């Protein structure tokens, strides 16, 4: 990645699992009916059928409904990143 100085990849862009679930969404009018959990379970079954042993998913801090859904089917928090943009400082910090 030229932007980051050749082959160097920042730690916060390094996947922590062999398979990352990018996005799970349910229409607002369909929420609360178990569709999110059903989607996630189907995705995890598909990943297992493709020999993945770990899956990762990201959730924005404050999205407690999504976080609760992910944790209820077995995901556990791994890392939290806090981005502060002030006085020209744009570097992420691990907490």
PDB file of N, CA and C in Angstrom:
ATOM      1  N   UNK A   1       0.849  -1.183   0.000  1.00  0.00           N
ATOM      2  CA  UNK A   1       0.000   0.000   0.000  1.00  0.00           C
ATOM      3  C   UNK A   1       0.884   1.232   0.000  1.00  0.00           C
ATOM      4  N   UNK A   2       0.969   1.884  -1.081  1.00  0.00           N
ATOM      5  CA  UNK A   2       1.864   3.043  -1.204  1.00  0.00           C
ATOM      6  C   UNK A   2       1.525   4.154  -0.215  1.00  0.00           C
ATOM      7  N   UNK A   3       0.245   4.382   0.003  1.00  0.00           N
ATOM      8  CA  UNK A   3      -0.184   5.442   0.909  1.00  0.00           C
ATOM      9  C   UNK A   3       0.427   5.296   2.292  1.00  0.00           C
ATOM     10  N   UNK A   4       0.607   4.056   2.746  1.00  0.00           N
ATOM     11  CA  UNK A   4       1.116   3.792   4.082  1.00  0.00           C
ATOM     12  C   UNK A   4       2.611   3.503   4.084  1.00  0.00           C
ATOM     13  N   UNK A   5       3.278   3.695   2.972  1.00  0.00           N
ATOM     14  CA  UNK A   5       4.722   3.510   2.946  1.00  0.00           C
ATOM     15  C   UNK A   5       5.135   2.127   2.486  1.00  0.00           C
ATOM     16  N   UNK A   6       4.829   1.774   1.268  1.00  0.00           N
ATOM     17  CA  UNK A   6       5.248   0.478   0.735  1.00  0.00           C
ATOM     18  C   UNK A   6       4.377  -0.655   1.212  1.00  0.00           C
ATOM     19  N   UNK A   7       5.019  -1.705   1.723  1.00  0.00           N
ATOM     20  CA  UNK A   7       4.291  -2.903   2.142  1.00  0.00           C
ATOM     21  C   UNK A   7       3.749  -2.814   3.563  1.00  0.00           C
ATOM     22  N   UNK A   8       4.048  -1.750   4.264  1.00  0.00           N
ATOM     23  CA  UNK A   8       3.592  -1.596   5.640  1.00  0.00           C
ATOM     24  C   UNK A   8       2.074  -1.466   5.688  1.00  0.00           C
ATOM     25  N   UNK A   9       1.430  -2.242   6.534  1.00  0.00           N
ATOM     26  CA  UNK A   9      -0.013  -2.148   6.715  1.00  0.00           C
ATOM     27  C   UNK A   9      -0.277  -1.829   8.179  1.00  0.00           C
ATOM     28  N   UNK A  10      -1.016  -0.755   8.469  1.00  0.00           N
ATOM     29  CA  UNK A  10      -1.301  -0.398   9.858  1.00  0.00           C
ATOM     30  C   UNK A  10      -2.021  -1.531  10.585  1.00  0.00           C
ATOM     31  N   UNK A  11      -1.740  -1.678  11.873  1.00  0.00           N
ATOM     32  CA  UNK A  11      -2.332  -2.771  12.645  1.00  0.00           C
ATOM     33  C   UNK A  11      -3.848  -2.750  12.620  1.00  0.00           C
ATOM     34  N   UNK A  12      -4.447  -1.553  12.561  1.00  0.00           N
ATOM     35  CA  UNK A  12      -5.898  -1.482  12.619  1.00  0.00           C
ATOM     36  C   UNK A  12      -6.566  -1.887  11.312  1.00  0.00           C
ATOM     37  N   UNK A  13      -5.787  -2.116  10.255  1.00  0.00           N
ATOM     38  CA  UNK A  13      -6.335  -2.624   9.004  1.00  0.00           C
ATOM     39  C   UNK A  13      -6.034  -4.106   8.805  1.00  0.00           C
ATOM     40  N   UNK A  14      -5.335  -4.712   9.741  1.00  0.00           N
ATOM     41  CA  UNK A  14      -4.985  -6.122   9.640  1.00  0.00           C
ATOM     42  C   UNK A  14      -6.144  -6.971  10.155  1.00  0.00           C
ATOM     43  N   UNK A  15      -6.717  -7.839   9.328  1.00  0.00           N
ATOM     44  CA  UNK A  15      -7.830  -8.675   9.792  1.00  0.00           C
ATOM     45  C   UNK A  15      -7.398  -9.558  10.960  1.00  0.00           C
ATOM     46  N   UNK A  16      -8.270  -9.693  11.938  1.00  0.00           N
ATOM     47  CA  UNK A  16      -7.993 -10.512  13.113  1.00  0.00           C
ATOM     48  C   UNK A  16      -8.626 -11.891  12.988  1.00  0.00           C
ATOM     49  N   UNK A  17      -9.294 -12.142  11.889  1.00  0.00           N
ATOM     50  CA  UNK A  17      -9.926 -13.437  11.644  1.00  0.00           C
ATOM     51  C   UNK A  17      -9.766 -13.750  10.158  1.00  0.00           C
ATOM     52  N   UNK A  18      -9.860 -15.027   9.839  1.00  0.00           N
ATOM     53  CA  UNK A  18      -9.698 -15.425   8.439  1.00  0.00           C
ATOM     54  C   UNK A  18     -10.895 -15.028   7.582  1.00  0.00           C
ATOM     55  N   UNK A  19     -11.988 -14.697   8.223  1.00  0.00           N
ATOM     56  CA  UNK A  19     -13.202 -14.368   7.506  1.00  0.00           C
ATOM     57  C   UNK A  19     -13.883 -13.212   8.225  1.00  0.00           C
ATOM     58  N   UNK A  20     -14.124 -12.126   7.515  1.00  0.00           N
ATOM     59  CA  UNK A  20     -14.729 -10.922   8.087  1.00  0.00           C
ATOM     60  C   UNK A  20     -16.115 -10.722   7.482  1.00  0.00           C
ATOM     61  N   UNK A  21     -17.103 -10.590   8.336  1.00  0.00           N
ATOM     62  CA  UNK A  21     -18.453 -10.251   7.892  1.00  0.00           C
ATOM     63  C   UNK A  21     -18.514  -8.731   7.843  1.00  0.00           C
ATOM     64  N   UNK A  22     -18.676  -8.200   6.662  1.00  0.00           N
ATOM     65  CA  UNK A  22     -18.605  -6.754   6.458  1.00  0.00           C
ATOM     66  C   UNK A  22     -19.847  -6.017   6.929  1.00  0.00           C
ATOM     67  N   UNK A  23     -21.023  -6.563   6.645  1.00  0.00           N
ATOM     68  CA  UNK A  23     -22.226  -5.798   6.906  1.00  0.00           C
ATOM     69  C   UNK A  23     -23.414  -6.744   7.067  1.00  0.00           C
ATOM     70  N   UNK A  24     -24.229  -6.460   8.058  1.00  0.00           N
ATOM     71  CA  UNK A  24     -25.494  -7.168   8.244  1.00  0.00           C
ATOM     72  C   UNK A  24     -26.541  -6.090   8.483  1.00  0.00           C
ATOM     73  N   UNK A  25     -27.604  -6.110   7.726  1.00  0.00           N
ATOM     74  CA  UNK A  25     -28.634  -5.076   7.870  1.00  0.00           C
ATOM     75  C   UNK A  25     -30.019  -5.678   7.753  1.00  0.00           C
ATOM     76  N   UNK A  26     -30.920  -5.123   8.520  1.00  0.00           N
ATOM     77  CA  UNK A  26     -32.323  -5.524   8.492  1.00  0.00           C
ATOM     78  C   UNK A  26     -33.147  -4.242   8.335  1.00  0.00           C
ATOM     79  N   UNK A  27     -34.123  -4.265   7.461  1.00  0.00           N
ATOM     80  CA  UNK A  27     -34.987  -3.102   7.279  1.00  0.00           C
ATOM     81  C   UNK A  27     -35.623  -2.692   8.607  1.00  0.00           C
ATOM     82  N   UNK A  28     -35.744  -1.394   8.841  1.00  0.00           N
ATOM     83  CA  UNK A  28     -36.312  -0.935  10.121  1.00  0.00           C
ATOM     84  C   UNK A  28     -37.653  -1.583  10.465  1.00  0.00           C
ATOM     85  N   UNK A  29     -38.528  -1.739   9.479  1.00  0.00           N
ATOM     86  CA  UNK A  29     -39.848  -2.311   9.771  1.00  0.00           C
ATOM     87  C   UNK A  29     -39.792  -3.812  10.074  1.00  0.00           C
ATOM     88  N   UNK A  30     -38.668  -4.459   9.831  1.00  0.00           N
ATOM     89  CA  UNK A  30     -38.538  -5.901  10.087  1.00  0.00           C
ATOM     90  C   UNK A  30     -37.685  -6.198  11.318  1.00  0.00           C
ATOM     91  N   UNK A  31     -37.178  -5.169  11.966  1.00  0.00           N
ATOM     92  CA  UNK A  31     -36.298  -5.387  13.130  1.00  0.00           C
ATOM     93  C   UNK A  31     -37.076  -5.934  14.316  1.00  0.00           C
ATOM     94  N   UNK A  32     -36.351  -6.651  15.166  1.00  0.00           N
ATOM     95  CA  UNK A  32     -36.957  -7.204  16.368  1.00  0.00           C
ATOM     96  C   UNK A  32     -37.674  -8.520  16.155  1.00  0.00           C
ATOM     97  N   UNK A  33     -37.523  -9.112  14.983  1.00  0.00           N
ATOM     98  CA  UNK A  33     -38.206 -10.375  14.675  1.00  0.00           C
ATOM     99  C   UNK A  33     -37.247 -11.548  14.512  1.00  0.00           C
ATOM    100  N   UNK A  34     -35.965 -11.331  14.801  1.00  0.00           N
ATOM    101  CA  UNK A  34     -34.989 -12.413  14.716  1.00  0.00           C
ATOM    102  C   UNK A  34     -34.318 -12.577  13.366  1.00  0.00           C
ATOM    103  N   UNK A  35     -34.607 -11.674  12.420  1.00  0.00           N
ATOM    104  CA  UNK A  35     -34.011 -11.798  11.087  1.00  0.00           C
ATOM    105  C   UNK A  35     -32.498 -11.602  11.122  1.00  0.00           C
ATOM    106  N   UNK A  36     -32.018 -10.665  11.945  1.00  0.00           N
ATOM    107  CA  UNK A  36     -30.569 -10.427  12.042  1.00  0.00           C
ATOM    108  C   UNK A  36     -29.842 -11.671  12.527  1.00  0.00           C
ATOM    109  N   UNK A  37     -30.369 -12.299  13.561  1.00  0.00           N
ATOM    110  CA  UNK A  37     -29.759 -13.527  14.072  1.00  0.00           C
ATOM    111  C   UNK A  37     -29.802 -14.638  13.028  1.00  0.00           C
ATOM    112  N   UNK A  38     -30.913 -14.741  12.325  1.00  0.00           N
ATOM    113  CA  UNK A  38     -31.030 -15.776  11.290  1.00  0.00           C
ATOM    114  C   UNK A  38     -30.015 -15.535  10.177  1.00  0.00           C
ATOM    115  N   UNK A  39     -29.848 -14.284   9.757  1.00  0.00           N
ATOM    116  CA  UNK A  39     -28.852 -13.963   8.736  1.00  0.00           C
ATOM    117  C   UNK A  39     -27.451 -14.332   9.206  1.00  0.00           C
ATOM    118  N   UNK A  40     -27.123 -13.944  10.432  1.00  0.00           N
ATOM    119  CA  UNK A  40     -25.794 -14.240  10.966  1.00  0.00           C
ATOM    120  C   UNK A  40     -25.548 -15.739  11.083  1.00  0.00           C
ATOM    121  N   UNK A  41     -26.522 -16.466  11.560  1.00  0.00           N
ATOM    122  CA  UNK A  41     -26.358 -17.923  11.675  1.00  0.00           C
ATOM    123  C   UNK A  41     -26.125 -18.557  10.302  1.00  0.00           C
ATOM    124  N   UNK A  42     -26.864 -18.088   9.299  1.00  0.00           N
ATOM    125  CA  UNK A  42     -26.685 -18.619   7.940  1.00  0.00           C
ATOM    126  C   UNK A  42     -25.289 -18.276   7.415  1.00  0.00           C
ATOM    127  N   UNK A  43     -24.832 -17.057   7.672  1.00  0.00           N
ATOM    128  CA  UNK A  43     -23.486 -16.667   7.249  1.00  0.00           C
ATOM    129  C   UNK A  43     -22.421 -17.514   7.940  1.00  0.00           C
ATOM    130  N   UNK A  44     -22.591 -17.751   9.234  1.00  0.00           N
ATOM    131  CA  UNK A  44     -21.610 -18.547   9.972  1.00  0.00           C
ATOM    132  C   UNK A  44     -21.594 -19.993   9.485  1.00  0.00           C
ATOM    133  N   UNK A  45     -22.757 -20.544   9.179  1.00  0.00           N
ATOM    134  CA  UNK A  45     -22.807 -21.902   8.620  1.00  0.00           C
ATOM    135  C   UNK A  45     -22.086 -21.961   7.275  1.00  0.00           C
ATOM    136  N   UNK A  46     -22.288 -20.946   6.450  1.00  0.00           N
ATOM    137  CA  UNK A  46     -21.614 -20.892   5.147  1.00  0.00           C
ATOM    138  C   UNK A  46     -20.097 -20.821   5.351  1.00  0.00           C
ATOM    139  N   UNK A  47     -19.658 -19.999   6.283  1.00  0.00           N
ATOM    140  CA  UNK A  47     -18.227 -19.899   6.563  1.00  0.00           C
ATOM    141  C   UNK A  47     -17.645 -21.209   7.050  1.00  0.00           C
ATOM    142  N   UNK A  48     -18.358 -21.894   7.925  1.00  0.00           N
ATOM    143  CA  UNK A  48     -17.889 -23.188   8.417  1.00  0.00           C
ATOM    144  C   UNK A  48     -17.797 -24.191   7.283  1.00  0.00           C
ATOM    145  N   UNK A  49     -18.749 -24.139   6.356  1.00  0.00           N
ATOM    146  CA  UNK A  49     -18.718 -25.072   5.230  1.00  0.00           C
ATOM    147  C   UNK A  49     -17.532 -24.795   4.303  1.00  0.00           C
ATOM    148  N   UNK A  50     -16.973 -23.592   4.404  1.00  0.00           N
ATOM    149  CA  UNK A  50     -15.800 -23.222   3.613  1.00  0.00           C
ATOM    150  C   UNK A  50     -14.515 -23.308   4.440  1.00  0.00           C
ATOM    151  N   UNK A  51     -14.579 -24.032   5.556  1.00  0.00           N
ATOM    152  CA  UNK A  51     -13.428 -24.329   6.411  1.00  0.00           C
ATOM    153  C   UNK A  51     -12.912 -23.144   7.221  1.00  0.00           C
ATOM    154  N   UNK A  52     -13.702 -22.079   7.389  1.00  0.00           N
ATOM    155  CA  UNK A  52     -13.291 -20.978   8.251  1.00  0.00           C
ATOM    156  C   UNK A  52     -13.535 -21.388   9.701  1.00  0.00           C
ATOM    157  N   UNK A  53     -12.554 -21.137  10.547  1.00  0.00           N
ATOM    158  CA  UNK A  53     -12.702 -21.486  11.958  1.00  0.00           C
ATOM    159  C   UNK A  53     -12.947 -20.260  12.829  1.00  0.00           C
ATOM    160  N   UNK A  54     -12.681 -19.064  12.301  1.00  0.00           N
ATOM    161  CA  UNK A  54     -12.926 -17.822  13.026  1.00  0.00           C
ATOM    162  C   UNK A  54     -13.612 -16.830  12.098  1.00  0.00           C
ATOM    163  N   UNK A  55     -14.528 -16.063  12.654  1.00  0.00           N
ATOM    164  CA  UNK A  55     -15.182 -14.994  11.896  1.00  0.00           C
ATOM    165  C   UNK A  55     -15.069 -13.715  12.710  1.00  0.00           C
ATOM    166  N   UNK A  56     -14.953 -12.614  12.020  1.00  0.00           N
ATOM    167  CA  UNK A  56     -14.906 -11.314  12.672  1.00  0.00           C
ATOM    168  C   UNK A  56     -16.020 -10.434  12.153  1.00  0.00           C
ATOM    169  N   UNK A  57     -16.443  -9.504  12.994  1.00  0.00           N
ATOM    170  CA  UNK A  57     -17.470  -8.536  12.605  1.00  0.00           C
ATOM    171  C   UNK A  57     -17.196  -7.257  13.380  1.00  0.00           C
ATOM    172  N   UNK A  58     -17.484  -6.136  12.767  1.00  0.00           N
ATOM    173  CA  UNK A  58     -17.268  -4.854  13.437  1.00  0.00           C
ATOM    174  C   UNK A  58     -18.613  -4.232  13.775  1.00  0.00           C
ATOM    175  N   UNK A  59     -18.623  -3.503  14.875  1.00  0.00           N
ATOM    176  CA  UNK A  59     -19.823  -2.765  15.267  1.00  0.00           C
ATOM    177  C   UNK A  59     -19.378  -1.396  15.766  1.00  0.00           C
ATOM    178  N   UNK A  60     -20.125  -0.388  15.413  1.00  0.00           N
ATOM    179  CA  UNK A  60     -19.811   0.971  15.843  1.00  0.00           C
ATOM    180  C   UNK A  60     -20.211   1.122  17.294  1.00  0.00           C
ATOM    181  N   UNK A  61     -19.315   1.709  18.106  1.00  0.00           N
ATOM    182  CA  UNK A  61     -19.637   1.969  19.510  1.00  0.00           C
ATOM    183  C   UNK A  61     -20.950   2.740  19.591  1.00  0.00           C
ATOM    184  N   UNK A  62     -21.807   2.292  20.470  1.00  0.00           N
ATOM    185  CA  UNK A  62     -23.105   2.931  20.633  1.00  0.00           C
ATOM    186  C   UNK A  62     -24.233   2.184  19.939  1.00  0.00           C
ATOM    187  N   UNK A  63     -23.895   1.283  19.020  1.00  0.00           N
ATOM    188  CA  UNK A  63     -24.917   0.476  18.351  1.00  0.00           C
ATOM    189  C   UNK A  63     -25.155  -0.759  19.212  1.00  0.00           C
ATOM    190  N   UNK A  64     -25.802  -0.525  20.341  1.00  0.00           N
ATOM    191  CA  UNK A  64     -25.963  -1.580  21.340  1.00  0.00           C
ATOM    192  C   UNK A  64     -26.881  -2.710  20.880  1.00  0.00           C
ATOM    193  N   UNK A  65     -27.845  -2.419  20.032  1.00  0.00           N
ATOM    194  CA  UNK A  65     -28.736  -3.472  19.527  1.00  0.00           C
ATOM    195  C   UNK A  65     -27.927  -4.460  18.696  1.00  0.00           C
ATOM    196  N   UNK A  66     -27.103  -3.945  17.785  1.00  0.00           N
ATOM    197  CA  UNK A  66     -26.275  -4.829  16.959  1.00  0.00           C
ATOM    198  C   UNK A  66     -25.285  -5.593  17.827  1.00  0.00           C
ATOM    199  N   UNK A  67     -24.631  -4.887  18.742  1.00  0.00           N
ATOM    200  CA  UNK A  67     -23.660  -5.553  19.609  1.00  0.00           C
ATOM    201  C   UNK A  67     -24.311  -6.680  20.407  1.00  0.00           C
ATOM    202  N   UNK A  68     -25.480  -6.433  20.953  1.00  0.00           N
ATOM    203  CA  UNK A  68     -26.184  -7.467  21.709  1.00  0.00           C
ATOM    204  C   UNK A  68     -26.518  -8.663  20.807  1.00  0.00           C
ATOM    205  N   UNK A  69     -26.954  -8.376  19.587  1.00  0.00           N
ATOM    206  CA  UNK A  69     -27.269  -9.453  18.639  1.00  0.00           C
ATOM    207  C   UNK A  69     -26.034 -10.298  18.367  1.00  0.00           C
ATOM    208  N   UNK A  70     -24.900  -9.638  18.068  1.00  0.00           N
ATOM    209  CA  UNK A  70     -23.663 -10.371  17.768  1.00  0.00           C
ATOM    210  C   UNK A  70     -23.216 -11.203  18.966  1.00  0.00           C
ATOM    211  N   UNK A  71     -23.266 -10.619  20.153  1.00  0.00           N
ATOM    212  CA  UNK A  71     -22.831 -11.349  21.345  1.00  0.00           C
ATOM    213  C   UNK A  71     -23.783 -12.496  21.671  1.00  0.00           C
ATOM    214  N   UNK A  72     -25.068 -12.343  21.356  1.00  0.00           N
ATOM    215  CA  UNK A  72     -26.043 -13.392  21.688  1.00  0.00           C
ATOM    216  C   UNK A  72     -25.835 -14.659  20.862  1.00  0.00           C
ATOM    217  N   UNK A  73     -25.133 -14.548  19.725  1.00  0.00           N
ATOM    218  CA  UNK A  73     -24.868 -15.759  18.940  1.00  0.00           C
ATOM    219  C   UNK A  73     -23.409 -16.212  19.057  1.00  0.00           C
ATOM    220  N   UNK A  74     -22.656 -15.556  19.951  1.00  0.00           N
ATOM    221  CA  UNK A  74     -21.327 -16.066  20.246  1.00  0.00           C
ATOM    222  C   UNK A  74     -20.144 -15.154  19.966  1.00  0.00           C
ATOM    223  N   UNK A  75     -20.352 -14.014  19.302  1.00  0.00           N
ATOM    224  CA  UNK A  75     -19.231 -13.095  19.104  1.00  0.00           C
ATOM    225  C   UNK A  75     -18.838 -12.479  20.433  1.00  0.00           C
ATOM    226  N   UNK A  76     -17.554 -12.225  20.587  1.00  0.00           N
ATOM    227  CA  UNK A  76     -17.039 -11.595  21.800  1.00  0.00           C
ATOM    228  C   UNK A  76     -16.211 -10.380  21.398  1.00  0.00           C
ATOM    229  N   UNK A  77     -16.274  -9.305  22.197  1.00  0.00           N
ATOM    230  CA  UNK A  77     -15.452  -8.133  21.870  1.00  0.00           C
ATOM    231  C   UNK A  77     -13.975  -8.511  21.846  1.00  0.00           C
ATOM    232  N   UNK A  78     -13.261  -7.988  20.865  1.00  0.00           N
ATOM    233  CA  UNK A  78     -11.838  -8.283  20.724  1.00  0.00           C
ATOM    234  C   UNK A  78     -11.001  -7.024  20.863  1.00  0.00           C
ATOM    235  N   UNK A  79     -11.332  -6.001  20.105  1.00  0.00           N
ATOM    236  CA  UNK A  79     -10.614  -4.738  20.163  1.00  0.00           C
ATOM    237  C   UNK A  79     -11.596  -3.596  20.041  1.00  0.00           C
ATOM    238  N   UNK A  80     -11.252  -2.498  20.684  1.00  0.00           N
ATOM    239  CA  UNK A  80     -12.023  -1.270  20.546  1.00  0.00           C
ATOM    240  C   UNK A  80     -11.072  -0.193  20.066  1.00  0.00           C
ATOM    241  N   UNK A  81     -11.495   0.538  19.055  1.00  0.00           N
ATOM    242  CA  UNK A  81     -10.700   1.638  18.534  1.00  0.00           C
ATOM    243  C   UNK A  81     -11.453   2.932  18.755  1.00  0.00           C
ATOM    244  N   UNK A  82     -10.717   3.939  19.178  1.00  0.00           N
ATOM    245  CA  UNK A  82     -11.274   5.265  19.365  1.00  0.00           C
ATOM    246  C   UNK A  82     -10.535   6.194  18.424  1.00  0.00           C
ATOM    247  N   UNK A  83     -11.266   6.886  17.581  1.00  0.00           N
ATOM    248  CA  UNK A  83     -10.666   7.834  16.658  1.00  0.00           C
ATOM    249  C   UNK A  83     -10.946   9.237  17.165  1.00  0.00           C
ATOM    250  N   UNK A  84      -9.887   9.966  17.419  1.00  0.00           N
ATOM    251  CA  UNK A  84     -10.023  11.350  17.846  1.00  0.00           C
ATOM    252  C   UNK A  84      -9.440  12.224  16.755  1.00  0.00           C
ATOM    253  N   UNK A  85     -10.214  13.169  16.317  1.00  0.00           N
ATOM    254  CA  UNK A  85      -9.720  14.100  15.307  1.00  0.00           C
ATOM    255  C   UNK A  85      -9.736  15.488  15.939  1.00  0.00           C
ATOM    256  N   UNK A  86      -8.569  15.927  16.303  1.00  0.00           N
ATOM    257  CA  UNK A  86      -8.435  17.261  16.870  1.00  0.00           C
ATOM    258  C   UNK A  86      -6.992  17.714  16.714  1.00  0.00           C
ATOM    259  N   UNK A  87      -6.791  18.975  16.531  1.00  0.00           N
ATOM    260  CA  UNK A  87      -5.466  19.584  16.404  1.00  0.00           C
ATOM    261  C   UNK A  87      -4.599  18.842  15.381  1.00  0.00           C
ATOM    262  N   UNK A  88      -5.227  18.341  14.335  1.00  0.00           N
ATOM    263  CA  UNK A  88      -4.471  17.681  13.286  1.00  0.00           C
ATOM    264  C   UNK A  88      -4.067  16.249  13.593  1.00  0.00           C
ATOM    265  N   UNK A  89      -4.407  15.735  14.770  1.00  0.00           N
ATOM    266  CA  UNK A  89      -4.069  14.356  15.132  1.00  0.00           C
ATOM    267  C   UNK A  89      -5.146  13.429  14.595  1.00  0.00           C
ATOM    268  N   UNK A  90      -4.782  12.598  13.633  1.00  0.00           N
ATOM    269  CA  UNK A  90      -5.754  11.691  13.015  1.00  0.00           C
ATOM    270  C   UNK A  90      -5.365  10.238  13.200  1.00  0.00           C
ATOM    271  N   UNK A  91      -4.557   9.932  14.166  1.00  0.00           N
ATOM    272  CA  UNK A  91      -4.123   8.542  14.332  1.00  0.00           C
ATOM    273  C   UNK A  91      -5.063   7.804  15.276  1.00  0.00           C
ATOM    274  N   UNK A  92      -5.412   6.574  14.904  1.00  0.00           N
ATOM    275  CA  UNK A  92      -6.303   5.771  15.766  1.00  0.00           C
ATOM    276  C   UNK A  92      -5.563   5.322  17.014  1.00  0.00           C
ATOM    277  N   UNK A  93      -6.316   5.115  18.048  1.00  0.00           N
ATOM    278  CA  UNK A  93      -5.753   4.640  19.310  1.00  0.00           C
ATOM    279  C   UNK A  93      -6.500   3.392  19.738  1.00  0.00           C
ATOM    280  N   UNK A  94      -5.751   2.398  20.179  1.00  0.00           N
ATOM    281  CA  UNK A  94      -6.360   1.185  20.730  1.00  0.00           C
ATOM    282  C   UNK A  94      -6.714   1.474  22.178  1.00  0.00           C
ATOM    283  N   UNK A  95      -7.871   0.983  22.613  1.00  0.00           N
ATOM    284  CA  UNK A  95      -8.202   1.123  24.032  1.00  0.00           C
ATOM    285  C   UNK A  95      -8.487  -0.221  24.635  1.00  0.00           C
TER     286      UNK A  95
END
